[in-house]
Amino acid sequence: MKIGLVQQRCTADRDGNLAASLDGIRTAVARGADLVCLSELHAGPYFCQTEDPQLFDLAEPIPGPTSVQIGEVAAELGVVVVASIFERRAAGLYHNTAVVLDADGSLAGRYRKMHIPDDPGYYEKFYFTPGDLGFQPIDTAVGRLGVLVCWDQWYPEAARLMALAGAEVLLYPTAIGWSDADDPAEQARQHEAWLTIQRAHAVANGLPVVVCNRTGHEADPSVATGGIRFWGSSFVAGPQGEILDQAGPDAAQVLVVDVDRRRGEQVRRIWPFLRDRRIDAYGDLVRRFRD
């Protein structure tokens, strides 16, 4: 399977952002991609840097304008696409949702982001209701996809539950970067931690991991901070955590990576972590903390 990643810069021009996403899909398919992953909330700027009730106007239903347009291109090209949408479920009820458009353009399924951050510059709890669809892979023409979103990538439980449900690949649309106020050593630590945790998901579950991040600097509309410099670095890791390919940090880029899904089973035969799990001893994992 060849997987395309569309790493892009985003502006306030929704039509321009979506056109860039669609152009990226076309470029990836021209290079042989069967599956394309877009970055988190790719139709607009990362609006969660501030809390503004007017920004709920950016949300849309599913199906809706963005998913329909991407679905039309998916059908035209015969490609599976993972896209990211600010979902309006009802008045006052919104989600950060990844949709999967199948190769015939139909909506194969959706995943609503389960872990919602609330940190300086990432005020997502103001906008997004935590997901209620659980960790359920989505069946498509290219296989069973374990789709998660950004902050989910720090939680081994999410990756494990997708793997236990039969996911063949884990995909993370992502919007993460650093503050220019952080010194270079701190920036390097954050970036390395981000790479390491996701490569660990690949190792622990014997699955390829696909991470598609934004790039470019986006100002904080409130000017309370210097904004976020999204660090790009989109990548694909193999089932032993090996980096198969990685985009650069500062530029829009389309990456197409050849992934051999058969290697997952081969790796699991020599590293049978699922076989050796002590499921009889893990009950306390459902507790918040062991006091």
C-alpha atoms as a PDB file:
ATOM      1  CA  MET A   1       0.000   0.000   0.000  1.00  0.00           C
ATOM      2  CA  LYS A   2       1.262   3.464  -0.863  1.00  0.00           C
ATOM      3  CA  ILE A   3       0.240   6.158   1.596  1.00  0.00           C
ATOM      4  CA  GLY A   4       0.245   9.872   0.826  1.00  0.00           C
ATOM      5  CA  LEU A   5       0.597  12.609   3.431  1.00  0.00           C
ATOM      6  CA  VAL A   6      -0.378  16.186   2.566  1.00  0.00           C
ATOM      7  CA  GLN A   7       1.568  18.500   4.865  1.00  0.00           C
ATOM      8  CA  GLN A   8       0.262  22.027   4.289  1.00  0.00           C
ATOM      9  CA  ARG A   9       0.226  25.589   5.512  1.00  0.00           C
ATOM     10  CA  CYS A  10      -3.202  26.945   6.417  1.00  0.00           C
ATOM     11  CA  THR A  11      -4.599  30.468   6.202  1.00  0.00           C
ATOM     12  CA  ALA A  12      -7.945  32.160   6.786  1.00  0.00           C
ATOM     13  CA  ASP A  13      -8.885  31.421   3.154  1.00  0.00           C
ATOM     14  CA  ARG A  14     -11.021  28.277   3.456  1.00  0.00           C
ATOM     15  CA  ASP A  15     -11.373  27.826  -0.292  1.00  0.00           C
ATOM     16  CA  GLY A  16      -7.626  28.205  -0.774  1.00  0.00           C
ATOM     17  CA  ASN A  17      -6.873  25.724   2.004  1.00  0.00           C
ATOM     18  CA  LEU A  18      -9.286  23.145   0.610  1.00  0.00           C
ATOM     19  CA  ALA A  19      -7.896  23.645  -2.892  1.00  0.00           C
ATOM     20  CA  ALA A  20      -4.399  22.971  -1.515  1.00  0.00           C
ATOM     21  CA  SER A  21      -5.679  19.808   0.182  1.00  0.00           C
ATOM     22  CA  LEU A  22      -7.296  18.586  -3.037  1.00  0.00           C
ATOM     23  CA  ASP A  23      -4.187  19.435  -5.065  1.00  0.00           C
ATOM     24  CA  GLY A  24      -2.151  17.464  -2.544  1.00  0.00           C
ATOM     25  CA  ILE A  25      -4.451  14.468  -2.917  1.00  0.00           C
ATOM     26  CA  ARG A  26      -4.075  14.622  -6.703  1.00  0.00           C
ATOM     27  CA  THR A  27      -0.297  14.879  -6.429  1.00  0.00           C
ATOM     28  CA  ALA A  28      -0.141  11.900  -4.071  1.00  0.00           C
ATOM     29  CA  VAL A  29      -2.340   9.769  -6.346  1.00  0.00           C
ATOM     30  CA  ALA A  30      -0.245  10.721  -9.378  1.00  0.00           C
ATOM     31  CA  ARG A  31       2.684   9.261  -7.450  1.00  0.00           C
ATOM     32  CA  GLY A  32       0.810   6.042  -6.760  1.00  0.00           C
ATOM     33  CA  ALA A  33      -0.947   6.641  -3.436  1.00  0.00           C
ATOM     34  CA  ASP A  34      -3.870   4.351  -2.546  1.00  0.00           C
ATOM     35  CA  LEU A  35      -4.571   6.159   0.732  1.00  0.00           C
ATOM     36  CA  VAL A  36      -4.071   9.851   1.552  1.00  0.00           C
ATOM     37  CA  CYS A  37      -4.029  11.470   4.994  1.00  0.00           C
ATOM     38  CA  LEU A  38      -4.556  15.208   5.489  1.00  0.00           C
ATOM     39  CA  SER A  39      -3.506  17.226   8.540  1.00  0.00           C
ATOM     40  CA  GLU A  40      -5.785  18.242  11.418  1.00  0.00           C
ATOM     41  CA  LEU A  41      -8.426  20.909  10.645  1.00  0.00           C
ATOM     42  CA  HIS A  42      -6.782  21.568   7.283  1.00  0.00           C
ATOM     43  CA  ALA A  43      -9.600  23.766   5.920  1.00  0.00           C
ATOM     44  CA  GLY A  44      -8.625  26.748   8.065  1.00  0.00           C
ATOM     45  CA  PRO A  45      -6.218  28.232  10.586  1.00  0.00           C
ATOM     46  CA  TYR A  46      -5.829  26.520  13.941  1.00  0.00           C
ATOM     47  CA  PHE A  47      -8.515  28.612  15.630  1.00  0.00           C
ATOM     48  CA  CYS A  48      -8.140  27.108  19.115  1.00  0.00           C
ATOM     49  CA  GLN A  49      -5.412  29.569  20.112  1.00  0.00           C
ATOM     50  CA  THR A  50      -8.213  31.763  21.503  1.00  0.00           C
ATOM     51  CA  GLU A  51     -11.721  31.297  22.919  1.00  0.00           C
ATOM     52  CA  ASP A  52     -14.195  33.063  20.659  1.00  0.00           C
ATOM     53  CA  PRO A  53     -17.870  31.979  20.411  1.00  0.00           C
ATOM     54  CA  GLN A  54     -18.095  33.408  16.884  1.00  0.00           C
ATOM     55  CA  LEU A  55     -15.659  30.757  15.671  1.00  0.00           C
ATOM     56  CA  PHE A  56     -18.301  28.061  16.081  1.00  0.00           C
ATOM     57  CA  ASP A  57     -19.575  29.405  12.745  1.00  0.00           C
ATOM     58  CA  LEU A  58     -16.653  27.539  11.156  1.00  0.00           C
ATOM     59  CA  ALA A  59     -18.219  24.182  12.040  1.00  0.00           C
ATOM     60  CA  GLU A  60     -20.172  22.167   9.489  1.00  0.00           C
ATOM     61  CA  PRO A  61     -22.286  19.020   9.420  1.00  0.00           C
ATOM     62  CA  ILE A  62     -21.101  15.649   8.158  1.00  0.00           C
ATOM     63  CA  PRO A  63     -21.903  15.071   5.340  1.00  0.00           C
ATOM     64  CA  GLY A  64     -21.286  18.716   4.528  1.00  0.00           C
ATOM     65  CA  PRO A  65     -19.358  20.973   2.144  1.00  0.00           C
ATOM     66  CA  THR A  66     -15.855  19.750   2.975  1.00  0.00           C
ATOM     67  CA  SER A  67     -16.576  16.031   3.175  1.00  0.00           C
ATOM     68  CA  VAL A  68     -18.662  16.156  -0.021  1.00  0.00           C
ATOM     69  CA  GLN A  69     -15.939  17.928  -2.008  1.00  0.00           C
ATOM     70  CA  ILE A  70     -13.252  15.549  -0.807  1.00  0.00           C
ATOM     71  CA  GLY A  71     -15.528  12.579  -1.439  1.00  0.00           C
ATOM     72  CA  GLU A  72     -16.028  13.681  -5.040  1.00  0.00           C
ATOM     73  CA  VAL A  73     -12.275  13.803  -5.596  1.00  0.00           C
ATOM     74  CA  ALA A  74     -11.807  10.450  -3.830  1.00  0.00           C
ATOM     75  CA  ALA A  75     -14.339   8.880  -6.194  1.00  0.00           C
ATOM     76  CA  GLU A  76     -12.789  10.525  -9.248  1.00  0.00           C
ATOM     77  CA  LEU A  77      -9.315   9.245  -8.350  1.00  0.00           C
ATOM     78  CA  GLY A  78     -10.301   5.948  -6.724  1.00  0.00           C
ATOM     79  CA  VAL A  79      -8.407   6.797  -3.523  1.00  0.00           C
ATOM     80  CA  VAL A  80      -9.224   6.524   0.189  1.00  0.00           C
ATOM     81  CA  VAL A  81      -8.857   9.862   2.036  1.00  0.00           C
ATOM     82  CA  VAL A  82      -8.630  10.651   5.740  1.00  0.00           C
ATOM     83  CA  ALA A  83      -9.735  14.259   6.289  1.00  0.00           C
ATOM     84  CA  SER A  84     -10.255  16.402   9.400  1.00  0.00           C
ATOM     85  CA  ILE A  85     -13.372  18.490  10.010  1.00  0.00           C
ATOM     86  CA  PHE A  86     -14.792  20.778  12.717  1.00  0.00           C
ATOM     87  CA  GLU A  87     -18.108  18.959  13.024  1.00  0.00           C
ATOM     88  CA  ARG A  88     -21.380  20.690  13.939  1.00  0.00           C
ATOM     89  CA  ARG A  89     -23.500  17.908  15.392  1.00  0.00           C
ATOM     90  CA  ALA A  90     -26.153  20.214  16.862  1.00  0.00           C
ATOM     91  CA  ALA A  91     -26.371  23.728  18.258  1.00  0.00           C
ATOM     92  CA  GLY A  92     -23.892  23.847  21.117  1.00  0.00           C
ATOM     93  CA  LEU A  93     -22.500  20.381  20.309  1.00  0.00           C
ATOM     94  CA  TYR A  94     -19.342  20.243  18.216  1.00  0.00           C
ATOM     95  CA  HIS A  95     -16.576  17.712  17.639  1.00  0.00           C
ATOM     96  CA  ASN A  96     -13.067  17.527  16.211  1.00  0.00           C
ATOM     97  CA  THR A  97     -13.775  14.757  13.723  1.00  0.00           C
ATOM     98  CA  ALA A  98     -11.747  12.729  11.245  1.00  0.00           C
ATOM     99  CA  VAL A  99     -13.752  11.394   8.311  1.00  0.00           C
ATOM    100  CA  VAL A 100     -12.748   8.573   6.014  1.00  0.00           C
ATOM    101  CA  LEU A 101     -13.906   8.843   2.402  1.00  0.00           C
ATOM    102  CA  ASP A 102     -13.711   5.518   0.616  1.00  0.00           C
ATOM    103  CA  ALA A 103     -12.407   4.974  -2.908  1.00  0.00           C
ATOM    104  CA  ASP A 104     -15.938   5.299  -4.297  1.00  0.00           C
ATOM    105  CA  GLY A 105     -16.424   8.637  -2.527  1.00  0.00           C
ATOM    106  CA  SER A 106     -18.774   7.286   0.129  1.00  0.00           C
ATOM    107  CA  LEU A 107     -18.381   8.106   3.809  1.00  0.00           C
ATOM    108  CA  ALA A 108     -16.779   4.938   5.175  1.00  0.00           C
ATOM    109  CA  GLY A 109     -16.849   6.211   8.744  1.00  0.00           C
ATOM    110  CA  ARG A 110     -15.813   8.891  11.187  1.00  0.00           C
ATOM    111  CA  TYR A 111     -13.780   9.160  14.369  1.00  0.00           C
ATOM    112  CA  ARG A 112     -14.448  11.876  16.930  1.00  0.00           C
ATOM    113  CA  LYS A 113     -11.352  12.968  18.820  1.00  0.00           C
ATOM    114  CA  MET A 114     -11.441  11.387  22.281  1.00  0.00           C
ATOM    115  CA  HIS A 115      -8.664  13.221  24.157  1.00  0.00           C
ATOM    116  CA  ILE A 116      -9.194  16.991  24.181  1.00  0.00           C
ATOM    117  CA  PRO A 117      -6.360  19.276  25.372  1.00  0.00           C
ATOM    118  CA  ASP A 118      -6.738  22.546  27.237  1.00  0.00           C
ATOM    119  CA  ASP A 119      -3.384  24.296  27.347  1.00  0.00           C
ATOM    120  CA  PRO A 120      -2.087  27.772  26.500  1.00  0.00           C
ATOM    121  CA  GLY A 121      -2.568  28.147  22.750  1.00  0.00           C
ATOM    122  CA  TYR A 122      -4.590  24.909  22.520  1.00  0.00           C
ATOM    123  CA  TYR A 123      -7.971  25.755  24.083  1.00  0.00           C
ATOM    124  CA  GLU A 124      -9.771  22.835  22.496  1.00  0.00           C
ATOM    125  CA  LYS A 125     -12.078  22.051  25.413  1.00  0.00           C
ATOM    126  CA  PHE A 126     -13.878  25.322  24.677  1.00  0.00           C
ATOM    127  CA  TYR A 127     -14.759  24.093  21.180  1.00  0.00           C
ATOM    128  CA  PHE A 128     -14.851  20.304  21.135  1.00  0.00           C
ATOM    129  CA  THR A 129     -17.012  17.786  22.943  1.00  0.00           C
ATOM    130  CA  PRO A 130     -15.007  14.603  23.657  1.00  0.00           C
ATOM    131  CA  GLY A 131     -15.709  11.846  21.156  1.00  0.00           C
ATOM    132  CA  ASP A 132     -18.375   9.242  21.843  1.00  0.00           C
ATOM    133  CA  LEU A 133     -17.674   6.711  19.087  1.00  0.00           C
ATOM    134  CA  GLY A 134     -14.888   4.927  20.925  1.00  0.00           C
ATOM    135  CA  PHE A 135     -11.787   3.455  19.330  1.00  0.00           C
ATOM    136  CA  GLN A 136     -13.305   1.630  16.379  1.00  0.00           C
ATOM    137  CA  PRO A 137     -11.318   1.069  13.168  1.00  0.00           C
ATOM    138  CA  ILE A 138     -12.929   1.935   9.848  1.00  0.00           C
ATOM    139  CA  ASP A 139     -13.105  -0.594   7.016  1.00  0.00           C
ATOM    140  CA  THR A 140     -12.169   0.739   3.577  1.00  0.00           C
ATOM    141  CA  ALA A 141     -11.150  -0.457   0.125  1.00  0.00           C
ATOM    142  CA  VAL A 142      -7.494  -0.482   1.245  1.00  0.00           C
ATOM    143  CA  GLY A 143      -7.976  -2.128   4.626  1.00  0.00           C
ATOM    144  CA  ARG A 144      -9.008  -1.461   8.207  1.00  0.00           C
ATOM    145  CA  LEU A 145      -7.832   1.971   9.376  1.00  0.00           C
ATOM    146  CA  GLY A 146      -7.274   2.958  12.997  1.00  0.00           C
ATOM    147  CA  VAL A 147      -7.851   6.717  12.779  1.00  0.00           C
ATOM    148  CA  LEU A 148      -6.991   8.925  15.756  1.00  0.00           C
ATOM    149  CA  VAL A 149      -6.422  12.692  16.036  1.00  0.00           C
ATOM    150  CA  CYS A 150      -3.474  14.721  17.355  1.00  0.00           C
ATOM    151  CA  TRP A 151      -3.652  14.758  21.185  1.00  0.00           C
ATOM    152  CA  ASP A 152      -4.714  11.106  21.029  1.00  0.00           C
ATOM    153  CA  GLN A 153      -1.164  10.365  19.895  1.00  0.00           C
ATOM    154  CA  TRP A 154       0.181  10.693  23.445  1.00  0.00           C
ATOM    155  CA  TYR A 155      -2.028   7.883  24.774  1.00  0.00           C
ATOM    156  CA  PRO A 156      -0.838   4.290  24.325  1.00  0.00           C
ATOM    157  CA  GLU A 157      -4.300   3.092  25.374  1.00  0.00           C
ATOM    158  CA  ALA A 158      -5.867   4.589  22.238  1.00  0.00           C
ATOM    159  CA  ALA A 159      -3.368   2.965  19.890  1.00  0.00           C
ATOM    160  CA  ARG A 160      -3.674  -0.370  21.709  1.00  0.00           C
ATOM    161  CA  LEU A 161      -7.468  -0.419  21.556  1.00  0.00           C
ATOM    162  CA  MET A 162      -7.381   0.293  17.831  1.00  0.00           C
ATOM    163  CA  ALA A 163      -4.873  -2.535  17.381  1.00  0.00           C
ATOM    164  CA  LEU A 164      -6.993  -4.921  19.456  1.00  0.00           C
ATOM    165  CA  ALA A 165      -9.957  -4.128  17.202  1.00  0.00           C
ATOM    166  CA  GLY A 166      -7.987  -5.208  14.143  1.00  0.00           C
ATOM    167  CA  ALA A 167      -6.577  -1.952  12.761  1.00  0.00           C
ATOM    168  CA  GLU A 168      -3.975  -2.586  10.077  1.00  0.00           C
ATOM    169  CA  VAL A 169      -2.466   0.894  10.215  1.00  0.00           C
ATOM    170  CA  LEU A 170      -2.721   3.817  12.661  1.00  0.00           C
ATOM    171  CA  LEU A 171      -3.245   7.315  11.220  1.00  0.00           C
ATOM    172  CA  TYR A 172      -2.990  10.639  13.061  1.00  0.00           C
ATOM    173  CA  PRO A 173      -4.069  13.933  11.461  1.00  0.00           C
ATOM    174  CA  THR A 174      -2.155  16.411  13.610  1.00  0.00           C
ATOM    175  CA  ALA A 175      -1.656  20.104  14.425  1.00  0.00           C
ATOM    176  CA  ILE A 176       1.300  20.458  16.753  1.00  0.00           C
ATOM    177  CA  GLY A 177       4.206  22.840  17.037  1.00  0.00           C
ATOM    178  CA  TRP A 178       6.099  24.929  19.487  1.00  0.00           C
ATOM    179  CA  SER A 179       6.232  28.452  20.814  1.00  0.00           C
ATOM    180  CA  ASP A 180       9.091  30.667  19.669  1.00  0.00           C
ATOM    181  CA  ALA A 181       9.401  31.645  23.333  1.00  0.00           C
ATOM    182  CA  ASP A 182      10.782  28.175  24.116  1.00  0.00           C
ATOM    183  CA  ASP A 183      14.549  27.855  23.878  1.00  0.00           C
ATOM    184  CA  PRO A 184      16.006  25.534  21.231  1.00  0.00           C
ATOM    185  CA  ALA A 185      16.785  22.794  23.760  1.00  0.00           C
ATOM    186  CA  GLU A 186      13.167  22.685  24.963  1.00  0.00           C
ATOM    187  CA  GLN A 187      11.899  22.706  21.382  1.00  0.00           C
ATOM    188  CA  ALA A 188      14.169  19.772  20.565  1.00  0.00           C
ATOM    189  CA  ARG A 189      12.926  17.820  23.605  1.00  0.00           C
ATOM    190  CA  GLN A 190       9.281  18.359  22.646  1.00  0.00           C
ATOM    191  CA  HIS A 191       9.873  17.325  19.038  1.00  0.00           C
ATOM    192  CA  GLU A 192      11.822  14.218  20.016  1.00  0.00           C
ATOM    193  CA  ALA A 193       9.146  13.206  22.535  1.00  0.00           C
ATOM    194  CA  TRP A 194       6.481  13.520  19.824  1.00  0.00           C
ATOM    195  CA  LEU A 195       8.437  11.299  17.455  1.00  0.00           C
ATOM    196  CA  THR A 196       9.310   8.784  20.155  1.00  0.00           C
ATOM    197  CA  ILE A 197       5.816   8.211  21.536  1.00  0.00           C
ATOM    198  CA  GLN A 198       4.369   7.503  18.108  1.00  0.00           C
ATOM    199  CA  ARG A 199       7.216   5.253  17.028  1.00  0.00           C
ATOM    200  CA  ALA A 200       6.567   3.406  20.297  1.00  0.00           C
ATOM    201  CA  HIS A 201       2.926   2.868  19.271  1.00  0.00           C
ATOM    202  CA  ALA A 202       4.226   1.207  16.103  1.00  0.00           C
ATOM    203  CA  VAL A 203       6.572  -1.032  18.089  1.00  0.00           C
ATOM    204  CA  ALA A 204       4.110  -1.964  20.834  1.00  0.00           C
ATOM    205  CA  ASN A 205       1.392  -2.904  18.362  1.00  0.00           C
ATOM    206  CA  GLY A 206       3.384  -4.182  15.383  1.00  0.00           C
ATOM    207  CA  LEU A 207       1.653  -1.691  13.070  1.00  0.00           C
ATOM    208  CA  PRO A 208       2.709   1.079  10.697  1.00  0.00           C
ATOM    209  CA  VAL A 209       1.955   4.571  12.015  1.00  0.00           C
ATOM    210  CA  VAL A 210       1.124   7.537   9.771  1.00  0.00           C
ATOM    211  CA  VAL A 211       1.357  11.098  11.130  1.00  0.00           C
ATOM    212  CA  CYS A 212       0.357  14.111   9.007  1.00  0.00           C
ATOM    213  CA  ASN A 213       1.106  17.465  10.642  1.00  0.00           C
ATOM    214  CA  ARG A 214       0.595  21.110   9.685  1.00  0.00           C
ATOM    215  CA  THR A 215       3.490  23.413   8.952  1.00  0.00           C
ATOM    216  CA  GLY A 216       4.091  27.157   9.086  1.00  0.00           C
ATOM    217  CA  HIS A 217       3.648  29.897  11.698  1.00  0.00           C
ATOM    218  CA  GLU A 218       0.134  30.943  12.723  1.00  0.00           C
ATOM    219  CA  ALA A 219      -0.304  34.096  14.787  1.00  0.00           C
ATOM    220  CA  ASP A 220      -2.372  34.223  17.966  1.00  0.00           C
ATOM    221  CA  PRO A 221      -5.360  36.509  17.145  1.00  0.00           C
ATOM    222  CA  SER A 222      -5.453  37.669  20.768  1.00  0.00           C
ATOM    223  CA  VAL A 223      -1.699  38.533  20.623  1.00  0.00           C
ATOM    224  CA  ALA A 224      -1.460  37.075  24.131  1.00  0.00           C
ATOM    225  CA  THR A 225       1.257  34.784  22.780  1.00  0.00           C
ATOM    226  CA  GLY A 226       3.571  34.750  19.799  1.00  0.00           C
ATOM    227  CA  GLY A 227       1.456  32.105  18.091  1.00  0.00           C
ATOM    228  CA  ILE A 228       2.385  28.564  17.127  1.00  0.00           C
ATOM    229  CA  ARG A 229       5.114  27.450  14.758  1.00  0.00           C
ATOM    230  CA  PHE A 230       3.822  24.123  13.503  1.00  0.00           C
ATOM    231  CA  TRP A 231       6.797  21.868  13.022  1.00  0.00           C
ATOM    232  CA  GLY A 232       5.664  19.787  10.068  1.00  0.00           C
ATOM    233  CA  SER A 233       7.878  16.664  10.156  1.00  0.00           C
ATOM    234  CA  SER A 234       5.031  14.417   8.952  1.00  0.00           C
ATOM    235  CA  PHE A 235       6.240  10.830   8.843  1.00  0.00           C
ATOM    236  CA  VAL A 236       5.477   7.155   8.438  1.00  0.00           C
ATOM    237  CA  ALA A 237       6.976   4.567  10.784  1.00  0.00           C
ATOM    238  CA  GLY A 238       7.093   0.839  10.153  1.00  0.00           C
ATOM    239  CA  PRO A 239       6.002  -1.846  12.654  1.00  0.00           C
ATOM    240  CA  GLN A 240       9.349  -1.810  14.445  1.00  0.00           C
ATOM    241  CA  GLY A 241       9.294   1.960  14.794  1.00  0.00           C
ATOM    242  CA  GLU A 242      11.638   2.529  11.878  1.00  0.00           C
ATOM    243  CA  ILE A 243      11.130   5.822  10.044  1.00  0.00           C
ATOM    244  CA  LEU A 244      10.203   4.940   6.460  1.00  0.00           C
ATOM    245  CA  ASP A 245      10.126   8.567   5.320  1.00  0.00           C
ATOM    246  CA  GLN A 246       9.674  12.011   6.828  1.00  0.00           C
ATOM    247  CA  ALA A 247       8.797  15.484   5.540  1.00  0.00           C
ATOM    248  CA  GLY A 248      10.764  18.587   6.397  1.00  0.00           C
ATOM    249  CA  PRO A 249       9.807  21.005   9.184  1.00  0.00           C
ATOM    250  CA  ASP A 250       9.081  24.266   7.395  1.00  0.00           C
ATOM    251  CA  ALA A 251       7.462  23.706   4.018  1.00  0.00           C
ATOM    252  CA  ALA A 252       4.292  22.367   2.464  1.00  0.00           C
ATOM    253  CA  GLN A 253       5.085  18.932   1.091  1.00  0.00           C
ATOM    254  CA  VAL A 254       3.416  15.816  -0.283  1.00  0.00           C
ATOM    255  CA  LEU A 255       5.015  12.619   0.941  1.00  0.00           C
ATOM    256  CA  VAL A 256       4.227   9.212  -0.597  1.00  0.00           C
ATOM    257  CA  VAL A 257       5.478   6.181   1.301  1.00  0.00           C
ATOM    258  CA  ASP A 258       5.370   2.509   0.319  1.00  0.00           C
ATOM    259  CA  VAL A 259       4.154   0.422   3.272  1.00  0.00           C
ATOM    260  CA  ASP A 260       4.322  -3.382   3.268  1.00  0.00           C
ATOM    261  CA  ARG A 261       1.403  -4.448   5.457  1.00  0.00           C
ATOM    262  CA  ARG A 262       2.677  -8.032   5.502  1.00  0.00           C
ATOM    263  CA  ARG A 263       5.587  -6.963   7.683  1.00  0.00           C
ATOM    264  CA  GLY A 264       3.187  -6.339  10.557  1.00  0.00           C
ATOM    265  CA  GLU A 265       2.350 -10.009  10.850  1.00  0.00           C
ATOM    266  CA  GLN A 266       5.985 -11.008  10.396  1.00  0.00           C
ATOM    267  CA  VAL A 267       7.032  -8.658  13.210  1.00  0.00           C
ATOM    268  CA  ARG A 268       4.239  -9.862  15.500  1.00  0.00           C
ATOM    269  CA  ARG A 269       5.464 -13.436  15.049  1.00  0.00           C
ATOM    270  CA  ILE A 270       8.901 -12.579  16.426  1.00  0.00           C
ATOM    271  CA  TRP A 271       7.648  -9.993  18.940  1.00  0.00           C
ATOM    272  CA  PRO A 272       4.313 -11.491  20.102  1.00  0.00           C
ATOM    273  CA  PHE A 273       3.375  -8.702  22.493  1.00  0.00           C
ATOM    274  CA  LEU A 274      -0.349  -9.334  22.075  1.00  0.00           C
ATOM    275  CA  ARG A 275       0.115 -12.982  23.033  1.00  0.00           C
ATOM    276  CA  ASP A 276       2.029 -12.152  26.216  1.00  0.00           C
ATOM    277  CA  ARG A 277      -0.218  -9.413  27.569  1.00  0.00           C
ATOM    278  CA  ARG A 278      -1.328 -10.093  31.160  1.00  0.00           C
ATOM    279  CA  ILE A 279      -4.944  -9.080  30.696  1.00  0.00           C
ATOM    280  CA  ASP A 280      -5.763 -10.654  34.073  1.00  0.00           C
ATOM    281  CA  ALA A 281      -3.572  -8.049  35.809  1.00  0.00           C
ATOM    282  CA  TYR A 282      -4.516  -4.794  34.076  1.00  0.00           C
ATOM    283  CA  GLY A 283      -7.767  -3.939  35.849  1.00  0.00           C
ATOM    284  CA  ASP A 284      -6.364  -0.803  37.465  1.00  0.00           C
ATOM    285  CA  LEU A 285      -5.869   0.795  34.037  1.00  0.00           C
ATOM    286  CA  VAL A 286      -9.498   1.931  34.204  1.00  0.00           C
ATOM    287  CA  ARG A 287      -8.749   3.970  37.350  1.00  0.00           C
ATOM    288  CA  ARG A 288      -7.683   7.611  37.150  1.00  0.00           C
ATOM    289  CA  PHE A 289      -4.771   7.002  39.534  1.00  0.00           C
ATOM    290  CA  ARG A 290      -3.675   4.371  42.037  1.00  0.00           C
ATOM    291  CA  ASP A 291      -3.687   6.250  45.336  1.00  0.00           C
END
